[in-house]
Amino acid sequence: MQKWFYSWCTYTSNEAGGDTIFKFGSGVVESHKEQEPEKVLHDIKEMLNHENDGTRVHIIAFNKI
């Protein structure tokens, strides 16, 4: 197994027409050693999109630990 650290934030529109950070956080996930980093990142994005009701999610950091 390998561990991956990720940091993220979600944005919401503001009245001025720009974006404002709505929520942010970080976490650690485990994956099989054979799993490609792109697949791990894709799975993290899907999880975060689901948890945040489809709000725009931006991954700030993604590193193997």
Protein backbone atom coordinates (compact mmCIF):
# COMPACT_ATOMS: atom_id res chain seq x y z
CA MET A 1 0.00 0.00 0.00
CA GLN A 2 1.06 3.59 -0.55
CA LYS A 3 -0.21 6.74 1.10
CA TRP A 4 -1.05 9.98 -0.67
CA PHE A 5 -1.50 13.42 0.90
CA TYR A 6 -3.91 15.84 -0.74
CA SER A 7 -5.02 19.39 -0.03
CA TRP A 8 -8.11 20.93 -1.62
CA CYS A 9 -10.49 23.86 -1.71
CA THR A 10 -13.90 24.60 -3.22
CA TYR A 11 -15.01 27.85 -4.76
CA THR A 12 -18.30 29.71 -4.90
CA SER A 13 -19.25 32.72 -6.97
CA ASN A 14 -19.44 36.11 -5.29
CA GLU A 15 -21.55 39.14 -6.14
CA ALA A 16 -18.67 40.89 -7.90
CA GLY A 17 -18.52 38.12 -10.48
CA GLY A 18 -15.40 36.44 -9.14
CA ASP A 19 -14.75 33.36 -7.05
CA THR A 20 -14.40 33.01 -3.31
CA ILE A 21 -12.94 30.06 -1.43
CA PHE A 22 -15.88 28.33 0.22
CA LYS A 23 -14.29 25.34 2.00
CA PHE A 24 -10.85 23.79 2.22
CA GLY A 25 -9.12 20.84 3.80
CA SER A 26 -6.62 18.06 3.45
CA GLY A 27 -6.39 14.34 3.93
CA VAL A 28 -4.48 11.12 3.38
CA VAL A 29 -5.65 8.16 1.32
CA GLU A 30 -4.16 4.73 0.76
CA SER A 31 -3.95 2.96 -2.58
CA HIS A 32 -2.41 -0.20 -3.98
CA LYS A 33 1.18 0.20 -5.18
CA GLU A 34 0.11 -0.84 -8.69
CA GLN A 35 -2.41 1.99 -8.97
CA GLU A 36 -1.30 4.90 -11.17
CA PRO A 37 -1.07 8.35 -9.53
CA GLU A 38 -3.53 9.72 -12.12
CA LYS A 39 -6.15 7.17 -11.04
CA VAL A 40 -5.63 8.02 -7.36
CA LEU A 41 -6.03 11.73 -8.13
CA HIS A 42 -9.15 11.03 -10.20
CA ASP A 43 -10.68 9.02 -7.34
CA ILE A 44 -9.92 11.81 -4.84
CA LYS A 45 -11.57 14.40 -7.12
CA GLU A 46 -14.66 12.21 -7.51
CA MET A 47 -14.91 11.71 -3.75
CA LEU A 48 -14.56 15.45 -3.07
CA ASN A 49 -17.08 16.38 -5.78
CA HIS A 50 -19.56 13.94 -4.28
CA GLU A 51 -18.98 15.21 -0.72
CA ASN A 52 -19.36 18.83 -1.83
CA ASP A 53 -22.47 18.41 -4.00
CA GLY A 54 -20.66 19.08 -7.27
CA THR A 55 -19.12 22.37 -6.13
CA ARG A 56 -15.97 23.24 -8.07
CA VAL A 57 -13.10 21.46 -6.34
CA HIS A 58 -9.47 22.47 -6.83
CA ILE A 59 -6.65 20.14 -5.72
CA ILE A 60 -3.90 22.30 -4.25
CA ALA A 61 -1.38 19.59 -3.35
CA PHE A 62 -1.02 15.90 -4.16
CA ASN A 63 2.06 14.03 -2.92
CA LYS A 64 3.09 10.47 -2.14
CA ILE A 65 4.14 10.08 1.49
